[in-house]
Amino acid sequence: MVETSDSSSFSNGGPDRAPLPVTQAGVLWMEQLESWKIPQHILDQADIAPWSQDPATFAVDDTIDPRSPIHELAREMLPVEGGTVFDVGCGGGRSSIPLVPRASFIVA
């Protein structure tokens, strides 16, 4: 539930929870997100919905090259041991797992 007129509120995940107040920044963010959505006529033409991906795309397998320039650069930014990596949208960890052992803690 989102109401942005007189009583601004936003549902926070369930019928047993009270709505949260929506700030002006929150209203602006909701409006911007709405303007960025994929137009329905494009979605209607897609063979599959863009909201799901084949898990195999993110599989951690032998096609990962831990010597790739991006992995080398990331390792250079980590301490020799005890590094922490926050992997946003990590899938199966394809980008972060090659950073072990320098990354001893990965948040996915």
PDB file of N, CA and C in Angstrom:
ATOM      1  N   MET A   1       0.840  -1.175   0.000  1.00  0.00           N
ATOM      2  CA  MET A   1       0.000   0.000   0.000  1.00  0.00           C
ATOM      3  C   MET A   1       0.886   1.240   0.000  1.00  0.00           C
ATOM      4  N   VAL A   2       0.656   2.131  -0.940  1.00  0.00           N
ATOM      5  CA  VAL A   2       1.349   3.411  -0.960  1.00  0.00           C
ATOM      6  C   VAL A   2       0.306   4.499  -1.126  1.00  0.00           C
ATOM      7  N   GLU A   3       0.294   5.437  -0.217  1.00  0.00           N
ATOM      8  CA  GLU A   3      -0.577   6.599  -0.318  1.00  0.00           C
ATOM      9  C   GLU A   3       0.312   7.816  -0.235  1.00  0.00           C
ATOM     10  N   THR A   4       0.225   8.689  -1.209  1.00  0.00           N
ATOM     11  CA  THR A   4       1.113   9.850  -1.189  1.00  0.00           C
ATOM     12  C   THR A   4       0.352  11.174  -1.165  1.00  0.00           C
ATOM     13  N   SER A   5      -0.954  11.107  -0.983  1.00  0.00           N
ATOM     14  CA  SER A   5      -1.708  12.364  -0.922  1.00  0.00           C
ATOM     15  C   SER A   5      -1.732  12.887   0.516  1.00  0.00           C
ATOM     16  N   ASP A   6      -2.886  12.879   1.161  1.00  0.00           N
ATOM     17  CA  ASP A   6      -3.007  13.435   2.511  1.00  0.00           C
ATOM     18  C   ASP A   6      -2.318  12.587   3.576  1.00  0.00           C
ATOM     19  N   SER A   7      -2.486  11.275   3.503  1.00  0.00           N
ATOM     20  CA  SER A   7      -1.905  10.395   4.527  1.00  0.00           C
ATOM     21  C   SER A   7      -0.818   9.538   3.892  1.00  0.00           C
ATOM     22  N   SER A   8       0.385  10.075   3.798  1.00  0.00           N
ATOM     23  CA  SER A   8       1.494   9.363   3.175  1.00  0.00           C
ATOM     24  C   SER A   8       1.925   8.175   4.009  1.00  0.00           C
ATOM     25  N   SER A   9       1.886   6.993   3.403  1.00  0.00           N
ATOM     26  CA  SER A   9       2.345   5.792   4.089  1.00  0.00           C
ATOM     27  C   SER A   9       2.775   4.763   3.064  1.00  0.00           C
ATOM     28  N   PHE A  10       3.524   3.781   3.542  1.00  0.00           N
ATOM     29  CA  PHE A  10       4.044   2.735   2.680  1.00  0.00           C
ATOM     30  C   PHE A  10       3.994   1.435   3.450  1.00  0.00           C
ATOM     31  N   SER A  11       3.462   0.383   2.840  1.00  0.00           N
ATOM     32  CA  SER A  11       3.399  -0.910   3.506  1.00  0.00           C
ATOM     33  C   SER A  11       4.806  -1.447   3.696  1.00  0.00           C
ATOM     34  N   ASN A  12       5.077  -1.970   4.878  1.00  0.00           N
ATOM     35  CA  ASN A  12       6.409  -2.476   5.152  1.00  0.00           C
ATOM     36  C   ASN A  12       6.446  -3.981   5.301  1.00  0.00           C
ATOM     37  N   GLY A  13       5.641  -4.678   4.549  1.00  0.00           N
ATOM     38  CA  GLY A  13       5.818  -6.105   4.460  1.00  0.00           C
ATOM     39  C   GLY A  13       4.773  -7.020   5.045  1.00  0.00           C
ATOM     40  N   GLY A  14       3.680  -6.539   5.549  1.00  0.00           N
ATOM     41  CA  GLY A  14       2.700  -7.487   6.034  1.00  0.00           C
ATOM     42  C   GLY A  14       1.492  -6.834   6.663  1.00  0.00           C
ATOM     43  N   PRO A  15       0.388  -7.581   6.710  1.00  0.00           N
ATOM     44  CA  PRO A  15      -0.847  -7.034   7.251  1.00  0.00           C
ATOM     45  C   PRO A  15      -0.767  -6.784   8.751  1.00  0.00           C
ATOM     46  N   ASP A  16       0.167  -7.442   9.439  1.00  0.00           N
ATOM     47  CA  ASP A  16       0.273  -7.271  10.884  1.00  0.00           C
ATOM     48  C   ASP A  16       1.194  -6.122  11.278  1.00  0.00           C
ATOM     49  N   ARG A  17       1.701  -5.392  10.295  1.00  0.00           N
ATOM     50  CA  ARG A  17       2.601  -4.280  10.566  1.00  0.00           C
ATOM     51  C   ARG A  17       1.933  -2.960  10.193  1.00  0.00           C
ATOM     52  N   ALA A  18       2.194  -1.966  11.001  1.00  0.00           N
ATOM     53  CA  ALA A  18       1.650  -0.639  10.717  1.00  0.00           C
ATOM     54  C   ALA A  18       2.403  -0.022   9.541  1.00  0.00           C
ATOM     55  N   PRO A  19       1.713   0.760   8.700  1.00  0.00           N
ATOM     56  CA  PRO A  19       2.396   1.420   7.588  1.00  0.00           C
ATOM     57  C   PRO A  19       3.459   2.395   8.095  1.00  0.00           C
ATOM     58  N   LEU A  20       4.521   2.509   7.350  1.00  0.00           N
ATOM     59  CA  LEU A  20       5.580   3.454   7.672  1.00  0.00           C
ATOM     60  C   LEU A  20       5.284   4.793   7.010  1.00  0.00           C
ATOM     61  N   PRO A  21       5.663   5.894   7.645  1.00  0.00           N
ATOM     62  CA  PRO A  21       5.469   7.198   6.998  1.00  0.00           C
ATOM     63  C   PRO A  21       6.407   7.340   5.797  1.00  0.00           C
ATOM     64  N   VAL A  22       5.958   8.030   4.789  1.00  0.00           N
ATOM     65  CA  VAL A  22       6.775   8.272   3.603  1.00  0.00           C
ATOM     66  C   VAL A  22       7.216   9.728   3.618  1.00  0.00           C
ATOM     67  N   THR A  23       8.510   9.921   3.545  1.00  0.00           N
ATOM     68  CA  THR A  23       9.055  11.278   3.511  1.00  0.00           C
ATOM     69  C   THR A  23       8.943  11.830   2.090  1.00  0.00           C
ATOM     70  N   GLN A  24       9.188  13.112   1.948  1.00  0.00           N
ATOM     71  CA  GLN A  24       9.190  13.716   0.605  1.00  0.00           C
ATOM     72  C   GLN A  24      10.243  13.044  -0.268  1.00  0.00           C
ATOM     73  N   ALA A  25      11.403  12.724   0.305  1.00  0.00           N
ATOM     74  CA  ALA A  25      12.442  12.031  -0.462  1.00  0.00           C
ATOM     75  C   ALA A  25      11.944  10.666  -0.912  1.00  0.00           C
ATOM     76  N   GLY A  26      11.186   9.988  -0.039  1.00  0.00           N
ATOM     77  CA  GLY A  26      10.631   8.687  -0.396  1.00  0.00           C
ATOM     78  C   GLY A  26       9.626   8.796  -1.527  1.00  0.00           C
ATOM     79  N   VAL A  27       8.796   9.811  -1.483  1.00  0.00           N
ATOM     80  CA  VAL A  27       7.819  10.038  -2.556  1.00  0.00           C
ATOM     81  C   VAL A  27       8.543  10.315  -3.867  1.00  0.00           C
ATOM     82  N   LEU A  28       9.563  11.165  -3.820  1.00  0.00           N
ATOM     83  CA  LEU A  28      10.342  11.463  -5.026  1.00  0.00           C
ATOM     84  C   LEU A  28      10.977  10.201  -5.580  1.00  0.00           C
ATOM     85  N   TRP A  29      11.540   9.361  -4.705  1.00  0.00           N
ATOM     86  CA  TRP A  29      12.172   8.112  -5.144  1.00  0.00           C
ATOM     87  C   TRP A  29      11.148   7.191  -5.794  1.00  0.00           C
ATOM     88  N   MET A  30       9.962   7.049  -5.198  1.00  0.00           N
ATOM     89  CA  MET A  30       8.917   6.208  -5.788  1.00  0.00           C
ATOM     90  C   MET A  30       8.513   6.722  -7.167  1.00  0.00           C
ATOM     91  N   GLU A  31       8.397   8.037  -7.308  1.00  0.00           N
ATOM     92  CA  GLU A  31       8.024   8.618  -8.602  1.00  0.00           C
ATOM     93  C   GLU A  31       9.112   8.368  -9.638  1.00  0.00           C
ATOM     94  N   GLN A  32      10.375   8.498  -9.230  1.00  0.00           N
ATOM     95  CA  GLN A  32      11.473   8.248 -10.163  1.00  0.00           C
ATOM     96  C   GLN A  32      11.510   6.784 -10.578  1.00  0.00           C
ATOM     97  N   LEU A  33      11.349   5.883  -9.624  1.00  0.00           N
ATOM     98  CA  LEU A  33      11.323   4.455  -9.963  1.00  0.00           C
ATOM     99  C   LEU A  33      10.196   4.151 -10.946  1.00  0.00           C
ATOM    100  N   GLU A  34       9.050   4.739 -10.709  1.00  0.00           N
ATOM    101  CA  GLU A  34       7.906   4.536 -11.611  1.00  0.00           C
ATOM    102  C   GLU A  34       8.233   5.013 -13.023  1.00  0.00           C
ATOM    103  N   SER A  35       8.956   6.126 -13.140  1.00  0.00           N
ATOM    104  CA  SER A  35       9.284   6.662 -14.471  1.00  0.00           C
ATOM    105  C   SER A  35      10.349   5.828 -15.187  1.00  0.00           C
ATOM    106  N   TRP A  36      11.090   5.031 -14.446  1.00  0.00           N
ATOM    107  CA  TRP A  36      12.158   4.215 -15.047  1.00  0.00           C
ATOM    108  C   TRP A  36      11.695   2.822 -15.453  1.00  0.00           C
ATOM    109  N   LYS A  37      10.467   2.465 -15.144  1.00  0.00           N
ATOM    110  CA  LYS A  37      10.037   1.095 -15.415  1.00  0.00           C
ATOM    111  C   LYS A  37      10.012   0.805 -16.921  1.00  0.00           C
ATOM    112  N   ILE A  38      10.130  -0.451 -17.241  1.00  0.00           N
ATOM    113  CA  ILE A  38      10.098  -0.885 -18.641  1.00  0.00           C
ATOM    114  C   ILE A  38       8.658  -0.759 -19.136  1.00  0.00           C
ATOM    115  N   PRO A  39       8.451  -0.060 -20.259  1.00  0.00           N
ATOM    116  CA  PRO A  39       7.087   0.103 -20.774  1.00  0.00           C
ATOM    117  C   PRO A  39       6.416  -1.246 -21.044  1.00  0.00           C
ATOM    118  N   GLN A  40       5.121  -1.311 -20.760  1.00  0.00           N
ATOM    119  CA  GLN A  40       4.377  -2.559 -20.901  1.00  0.00           C
ATOM    120  C   GLN A  40       4.438  -3.107 -22.324  1.00  0.00           C
ATOM    121  N   HIS A  41       4.419  -2.242 -23.351  1.00  0.00           N
ATOM    122  CA  HIS A  41       4.443  -2.754 -24.723  1.00  0.00           C
ATOM    123  C   HIS A  41       5.763  -3.472 -25.029  1.00  0.00           C
ATOM    124  N   ILE A  42       6.828  -3.121 -24.351  1.00  0.00           N
ATOM    125  CA  ILE A  42       8.101  -3.834 -24.528  1.00  0.00           C
ATOM    126  C   ILE A  42       8.055  -5.156 -23.766  1.00  0.00           C
ATOM    127  N   LEU A  43       7.549  -5.129 -22.539  1.00  0.00           N
ATOM    128  CA  LEU A  43       7.419  -6.367 -21.770  1.00  0.00           C
ATOM    129  C   LEU A  43       6.553  -7.389 -22.503  1.00  0.00           C
ATOM    130  N   ASP A  44       5.504  -6.909 -23.145  1.00  0.00           N
ATOM    131  CA  ASP A  44       4.595  -7.803 -23.865  1.00  0.00           C
ATOM    132  C   ASP A  44       5.287  -8.520 -25.028  1.00  0.00           C
ATOM    133  N   GLN A  45       6.350  -7.951 -25.557  1.00  0.00           N
ATOM    134  CA  GLN A  45       7.055  -8.545 -26.703  1.00  0.00           C
ATOM    135  C   GLN A  45       8.161  -9.522 -26.292  1.00  0.00           C
ATOM    136  N   ALA A  46       8.503  -9.538 -25.013  1.00  0.00           N
ATOM    137  CA  ALA A  46       9.603 -10.380 -24.541  1.00  0.00           C
ATOM    138  C   ALA A  46       9.184 -11.840 -24.479  1.00  0.00           C
ATOM    139  N   ASP A  47      10.105 -12.724 -24.873  1.00  0.00           N
ATOM    140  CA  ASP A  47       9.841 -14.163 -24.784  1.00  0.00           C
ATOM    141  C   ASP A  47       9.769 -14.624 -23.333  1.00  0.00           C
ATOM    142  N   ILE A  48      10.621 -14.043 -22.486  1.00  0.00           N
ATOM    143  CA  ILE A  48      10.605 -14.358 -21.064  1.00  0.00           C
ATOM    144  C   ILE A  48      10.648 -13.050 -20.281  1.00  0.00           C
ATOM    145  N   ALA A  49      10.148 -13.078 -19.064  1.00  0.00           N
ATOM    146  CA  ALA A  49      10.143 -11.882 -18.216  1.00  0.00           C
ATOM    147  C   ALA A  49      11.579 -11.497 -17.856  1.00  0.00           C
ATOM    148  N   PRO A  50      11.879 -10.212 -17.824  1.00  0.00           N
ATOM    149  CA  PRO A  50      13.237  -9.785 -17.490  1.00  0.00           C
ATOM    150  C   PRO A  50      13.548  -9.876 -16.003  1.00  0.00           C
ATOM    151  N   TRP A  51      12.588 -10.277 -15.195  1.00  0.00           N
ATOM    152  CA  TRP A  51      12.752 -10.269 -13.745  1.00  0.00           C
ATOM    153  C   TRP A  51      13.363 -11.543 -13.210  1.00  0.00           C
ATOM    154  N   SER A  52      13.594 -12.513 -14.054  1.00  0.00           N
ATOM    155  CA  SER A  52      14.218 -13.747 -13.584  1.00  0.00           C
ATOM    156  C   SER A  52      15.324 -14.137 -14.560  1.00  0.00           C
ATOM    157  N   GLN A  53      16.305 -14.799 -14.025  1.00  0.00           N
ATOM    158  CA  GLN A  53      17.447 -15.228 -14.830  1.00  0.00           C
ATOM    159  C   GLN A  53      17.672 -16.713 -14.618  1.00  0.00           C
ATOM    160  N   ASP A  54      18.296 -17.350 -15.586  1.00  0.00           N
ATOM    161  CA  ASP A  54      18.672 -18.745 -15.452  1.00  0.00           C
ATOM    162  C   ASP A  54      19.792 -18.825 -14.420  1.00  0.00           C
ATOM    163  N   PRO A  55      19.606 -19.574 -13.336  1.00  0.00           N
ATOM    164  CA  PRO A  55      20.652 -19.671 -12.307  1.00  0.00           C
ATOM    165  C   PRO A  55      22.004 -20.120 -12.855  1.00  0.00           C
ATOM    166  N   ALA A  56      22.004 -20.859 -13.952  1.00  0.00           N
ATOM    167  CA  ALA A  56      23.271 -21.322 -14.532  1.00  0.00           C
ATOM    168  C   ALA A  56      24.155 -20.151 -14.964  1.00  0.00           C
ATOM    169  N   THR A  57      23.529 -19.004 -15.266  1.00  0.00           N
ATOM    170  CA  THR A  57      24.290 -17.818 -15.653  1.00  0.00           C
ATOM    171  C   THR A  57      25.246 -17.393 -14.557  1.00  0.00           C
ATOM    172  N   PHE A  58      24.879 -17.645 -13.316  1.00  0.00           N
ATOM    173  CA  PHE A  58      25.657 -17.184 -12.174  1.00  0.00           C
ATOM    174  C   PHE A  58      26.427 -18.304 -11.491  1.00  0.00           C
ATOM    175  N   ALA A  59      26.447 -19.464 -12.103  1.00  0.00           N
ATOM    176  CA  ALA A  59      27.110 -20.612 -11.487  1.00  0.00           C
ATOM    177  C   ALA A  59      28.603 -20.369 -11.333  1.00  0.00           C
ATOM    178  N   VAL A  60      29.112 -20.867 -10.240  1.00  0.00           N
ATOM    179  CA  VAL A  60      30.550 -20.818 -10.005  1.00  0.00           C
ATOM    180  C   VAL A  60      31.092 -22.138 -10.539  1.00  0.00           C
ATOM    181  N   ASP A  61      31.812 -22.053 -11.644  1.00  0.00           N
ATOM    182  CA  ASP A  61      32.321 -23.262 -12.281  1.00  0.00           C
ATOM    183  C   ASP A  61      33.724 -23.012 -12.812  1.00  0.00           C
ATOM    184  N   ASP A  62      34.215 -23.909 -13.619  1.00  0.00           N
ATOM    185  CA  ASP A  62      35.600 -23.803 -14.099  1.00  0.00           C
ATOM    186  C   ASP A  62      35.788 -22.778 -15.217  1.00  0.00           C
ATOM    187  N   THR A  63      34.732 -22.038 -15.577  1.00  0.00           N
ATOM    188  CA  THR A  63      34.905 -20.992 -16.595  1.00  0.00           C
ATOM    189  C   THR A  63      35.368 -19.675 -15.972  1.00  0.00           C
ATOM    190  N   ILE A  64      35.426 -19.609 -14.656  1.00  0.00           N
ATOM    191  CA  ILE A  64      35.908 -18.395 -13.988  1.00  0.00           C
ATOM    192  C   ILE A  64      37.424 -18.360 -14.101  1.00  0.00           C
ATOM    193  N   ASP A  65      37.933 -17.234 -14.545  1.00  0.00           N
ATOM    194  CA  ASP A  65      39.384 -17.055 -14.617  1.00  0.00           C
ATOM    195  C   ASP A  65      39.813 -16.140 -13.472  1.00  0.00           C
ATOM    196  N   PRO A  66      40.341 -16.704 -12.383  1.00  0.00           N
ATOM    197  CA  PRO A  66      40.729 -15.877 -11.247  1.00  0.00           C
ATOM    198  C   PRO A  66      41.912 -14.958 -11.548  1.00  0.00           C
ATOM    199  N   ARG A  67      42.526 -15.145 -12.719  1.00  0.00           N
ATOM    200  CA  ARG A  67      43.643 -14.279 -13.117  1.00  0.00           C
ATOM    201  C   ARG A  67      43.176 -13.108 -13.969  1.00  0.00           C
ATOM    202  N   SER A  68      41.866 -12.947 -14.129  1.00  0.00           N
ATOM    203  CA  SER A  68      41.351 -11.848 -14.955  1.00  0.00           C
ATOM    204  C   SER A  68      41.759 -10.512 -14.358  1.00  0.00           C
ATOM    205  N   PRO A  69      41.905  -9.482 -15.201  1.00  0.00           N
ATOM    206  CA  PRO A  69      42.314  -8.168 -14.691  1.00  0.00           C
ATOM    207  C   PRO A  69      41.414  -7.620 -13.584  1.00  0.00           C
ATOM    208  N   ILE A  70      40.117  -7.869 -13.662  1.00  0.00           N
ATOM    209  CA  ILE A  70      39.222  -7.333 -12.636  1.00  0.00           C
ATOM    210  C   ILE A  70      39.444  -8.017 -11.298  1.00  0.00           C
ATOM    211  N   HIS A  71      39.697  -9.332 -11.327  1.00  0.00           N
ATOM    212  CA  HIS A  71      39.972 -10.029 -10.074  1.00  0.00           C
ATOM    213  C   HIS A  71      41.326  -9.618  -9.509  1.00  0.00           C
ATOM    214  N   GLU A  72      42.310  -9.429 -10.369  1.00  0.00           N
ATOM    215  CA  GLU A  72      43.627  -8.968  -9.915  1.00  0.00           C
ATOM    216  C   GLU A  72      43.510  -7.601  -9.247  1.00  0.00           C
ATOM    217  N   LEU A  73      42.773  -6.689  -9.872  1.00  0.00           N
ATOM    218  CA  LEU A  73      42.584  -5.357  -9.316  1.00  0.00           C
ATOM    219  C   LEU A  73      41.875  -5.416  -7.960  1.00  0.00           C
ATOM    220  N   ALA A  74      40.840  -6.218  -7.893  1.00  0.00           N
ATOM    221  CA  ALA A  74      40.095  -6.345  -6.631  1.00  0.00           C
ATOM    222  C   ALA A  74      40.984  -6.906  -5.536  1.00  0.00           C
ATOM    223  N   ARG A  75      41.798  -7.901  -5.858  1.00  0.00           N
ATOM    224  CA  ARG A  75      42.694  -8.466  -4.844  1.00  0.00           C
ATOM    225  C   ARG A  75      43.714  -7.439  -4.365  1.00  0.00           C
ATOM    226  N   GLU A  76      44.185  -6.591  -5.274  1.00  0.00           N
ATOM    227  CA  GLU A  76      45.140  -5.548  -4.886  1.00  0.00           C
ATOM    228  C   GLU A  76      44.534  -4.582  -3.873  1.00  0.00           C
ATOM    229  N   MET A  77      43.219  -4.414  -3.915  1.00  0.00           N
ATOM    230  CA  MET A  77      42.548  -3.486  -3.016  1.00  0.00           C
ATOM    231  C   MET A  77      42.276  -4.107  -1.641  1.00  0.00           C
ATOM    232  N   LEU A  78      42.430  -5.416  -1.538  1.00  0.00           N
ATOM    233  CA  LEU A  78      42.179  -6.108  -0.277  1.00  0.00           C
ATOM    234  C   LEU A  78      43.468  -6.234   0.530  1.00  0.00           C
ATOM    235  N   PRO A  79      43.352  -6.304   1.860  1.00  0.00           N
ATOM    236  CA  PRO A  79      44.550  -6.586   2.651  1.00  0.00           C
ATOM    237  C   PRO A  79      45.034  -8.001   2.347  1.00  0.00           C
ATOM    238  N   VAL A  80      46.271  -8.310   2.726  1.00  0.00           N
ATOM    239  CA  VAL A  80      46.845  -9.627   2.446  1.00  0.00           C
ATOM    240  C   VAL A  80      45.993 -10.738   3.041  1.00  0.00           C
ATOM    241  N   GLU A  81      45.427 -10.499   4.209  1.00  0.00           N
ATOM    242  CA  GLU A  81      44.506 -11.471   4.791  1.00  0.00           C
ATOM    243  C   GLU A  81      43.440 -10.743   5.600  1.00  0.00           C
ATOM    244  N   GLY A  82      42.302 -11.394   5.757  1.00  0.00           N
ATOM    245  CA  GLY A  82      41.236 -10.828   6.576  1.00  0.00           C
ATOM    246  C   GLY A  82      40.368  -9.797   5.889  1.00  0.00           C
ATOM    247  N   GLY A  83      40.396  -9.745   4.569  1.00  0.00           N
ATOM    248  CA  GLY A  83      39.589  -8.762   3.850  1.00  0.00           C
ATOM    249  C   GLY A  83      38.115  -9.115   3.833  1.00  0.00           C
ATOM    250  N   THR A  84      37.290  -8.089   3.710  1.00  0.00           N
ATOM    251  CA  THR A  84      35.841  -8.263   3.628  1.00  0.00           C
ATOM    252  C   THR A  84      35.359  -7.718   2.297  1.00  0.00           C
ATOM    253  N   VAL A  85      34.496  -8.484   1.633  1.00  0.00           N
ATOM    254  CA  VAL A  85      33.908  -8.068   0.360  1.00  0.00           C
ATOM    255  C   VAL A  85      32.401  -8.042   0.526  1.00  0.00           C
ATOM    256  N   PHE A  86      31.784  -6.939   0.114  1.00  0.00           N
ATOM    257  CA  PHE A  86      30.327  -6.815   0.090  1.00  0.00           C
ATOM    258  C   PHE A  86      29.928  -6.931  -1.369  1.00  0.00           C
ATOM    259  N   ASP A  87      29.398  -8.075  -1.763  1.00  0.00           N
ATOM    260  CA  ASP A  87      29.084  -8.372  -3.159  1.00  0.00           C
ATOM    261  C   ASP A  87      27.597  -8.137  -3.400  1.00  0.00           C
ATOM    262  N   VAL A  88      27.255  -6.991  -3.971  1.00  0.00           N
ATOM    263  CA  VAL A  88      25.868  -6.639  -4.235  1.00  0.00           C
ATOM    264  C   VAL A  88      25.404  -7.365  -5.488  1.00  0.00           C
ATOM    265  N   GLY A  89      24.262  -8.021  -5.400  1.00  0.00           N
ATOM    266  CA  GLY A  89      23.736  -8.759  -6.552  1.00  0.00           C
ATOM    267  C   GLY A  89      24.639  -9.912  -6.925  1.00  0.00           C
ATOM    268  N   CYS A  90      25.118 -10.642  -5.939  1.00  0.00           N
ATOM    269  CA  CYS A  90      26.199 -11.599  -6.156  1.00  0.00           C
ATOM    270  C   CYS A  90      25.813 -12.850  -6.925  1.00  0.00           C
ATOM    271  N   GLY A  91      24.546 -13.199  -6.976  1.00  0.00           N
ATOM    272  CA  GLY A  91      24.189 -14.454  -7.638  1.00  0.00           C
ATOM    273  C   GLY A  91      24.863 -15.606  -6.929  1.00  0.00           C
ATOM    274  N   GLY A  92      25.666 -16.363  -7.655  1.00  0.00           N
ATOM    275  CA  GLY A  92      26.361 -17.508  -7.070  1.00  0.00           C
ATOM    276  C   GLY A  92      27.723 -17.161  -6.505  1.00  0.00           C
ATOM    277  N   GLY A  93      28.103 -15.910  -6.542  1.00  0.00           N
ATOM    278  CA  GLY A  93      29.405 -15.504  -6.031  1.00  0.00           C
ATOM    279  C   GLY A  93      30.490 -15.526  -7.083  1.00  0.00           C
ATOM    280  N   ARG A  94      30.097 -15.540  -8.318  1.00  0.00           N
ATOM    281  CA  ARG A  94      31.026 -15.656  -9.443  1.00  0.00           C
ATOM    282  C   ARG A  94      32.119 -14.586  -9.441  1.00  0.00           C
ATOM    283  N   SER A  95      31.805 -13.400  -8.964  1.00  0.00           N
ATOM    284  CA  SER A  95      32.795 -12.320  -8.950  1.00  0.00           C
ATOM    285  C   SER A  95      33.575 -12.254  -7.653  1.00  0.00           C
ATOM    286  N   SER A  96      33.013 -12.756  -6.570  1.00  0.00           N
ATOM    287  CA  SER A  96      33.685 -12.611  -5.282  1.00  0.00           C
ATOM    288  C   SER A  96      34.469 -13.835  -4.834  1.00  0.00           C
ATOM    289  N   ILE A  97      34.045 -15.026  -5.199  1.00  0.00           N
ATOM    290  CA  ILE A  97      34.737 -16.228  -4.751  1.00  0.00           C
ATOM    291  C   ILE A  97      36.202 -16.266  -5.210  1.00  0.00           C
ATOM    292  N   PRO A  98      36.542 -15.793  -6.425  1.00  0.00           N
ATOM    293  CA  PRO A  98      37.954 -15.796  -6.808  1.00  0.00           C
ATOM    294  C   PRO A  98      38.830 -14.873  -5.955  1.00  0.00           C
ATOM    295  N   LEU A  99      38.218 -14.056  -5.098  1.00  0.00           N
ATOM    296  CA  LEU A  99      38.989 -13.166  -4.240  1.00  0.00           C
ATOM    297  C   LEU A  99      39.475 -13.844  -2.961  1.00  0.00           C
ATOM    298  N   VAL A 100      38.988 -15.047  -2.707  1.00  0.00           N
ATOM    299  CA  VAL A 100      39.458 -15.836  -1.561  1.00  0.00           C
ATOM    300  C   VAL A 100      40.853 -16.354  -1.926  1.00  0.00           C
ATOM    301  N   PRO A 101      41.838 -16.371  -1.064  1.00  0.00           N
ATOM    302  CA  PRO A 101      41.768 -16.243   0.379  1.00  0.00           C
ATOM    303  C   PRO A 101      41.954 -14.824   0.911  1.00  0.00           C
ATOM    304  N   ARG A 102      42.298 -13.870   0.059  1.00  0.00           N
ATOM    305  CA  ARG A 102      42.469 -12.508   0.588  1.00  0.00           C
ATOM    306  C   ARG A 102      41.176 -11.978   1.164  1.00  0.00           C
ATOM    307  N   ALA A 103      40.060 -12.322   0.544  1.00  0.00           N
ATOM    308  CA  ALA A 103      38.757 -11.979   1.107  1.00  0.00           C
ATOM    309  C   ALA A 103      38.347 -13.157   1.983  1.00  0.00           C
ATOM    310  N   SER A 104      38.521 -13.005   3.275  1.00  0.00           N
ATOM    311  CA  SER A 104      38.172 -14.112   4.177  1.00  0.00           C
ATOM    312  C   SER A 104      36.713 -14.033   4.624  1.00  0.00           C
ATOM    313  N   PHE A 105      36.051 -12.912   4.328  1.00  0.00           N
ATOM    314  CA  PHE A 105      34.651 -12.737   4.697  1.00  0.00           C
ATOM    315  C   PHE A 105      33.931 -12.086   3.528  1.00  0.00           C
ATOM    316  N   ILE A 106      32.939 -12.786   2.964  1.00  0.00           N
ATOM    317  CA  ILE A 106      32.169 -12.265   1.837  1.00  0.00           C
ATOM    318  C   ILE A 106      30.724 -12.121   2.254  1.00  0.00           C
ATOM    319  N   VAL A 107      30.196 -10.922   2.123  1.00  0.00           N
ATOM    320  CA  VAL A 107      28.782 -10.664   2.405  1.00  0.00           C
ATOM    321  C   VAL A 107      28.083 -10.634   1.064  1.00  0.00           C
ATOM    322  N   ALA A 108      27.116 -11.524   0.906  1.00  0.00           N
ATOM    323  CA  ALA A 108      26.427 -11.619  -0.379  1.00  0.00           C
ATOM    324  C   ALA A 108      24.960 -11.303  -0.216  1.00  0.00           C
TER     325      ALA A 108
END
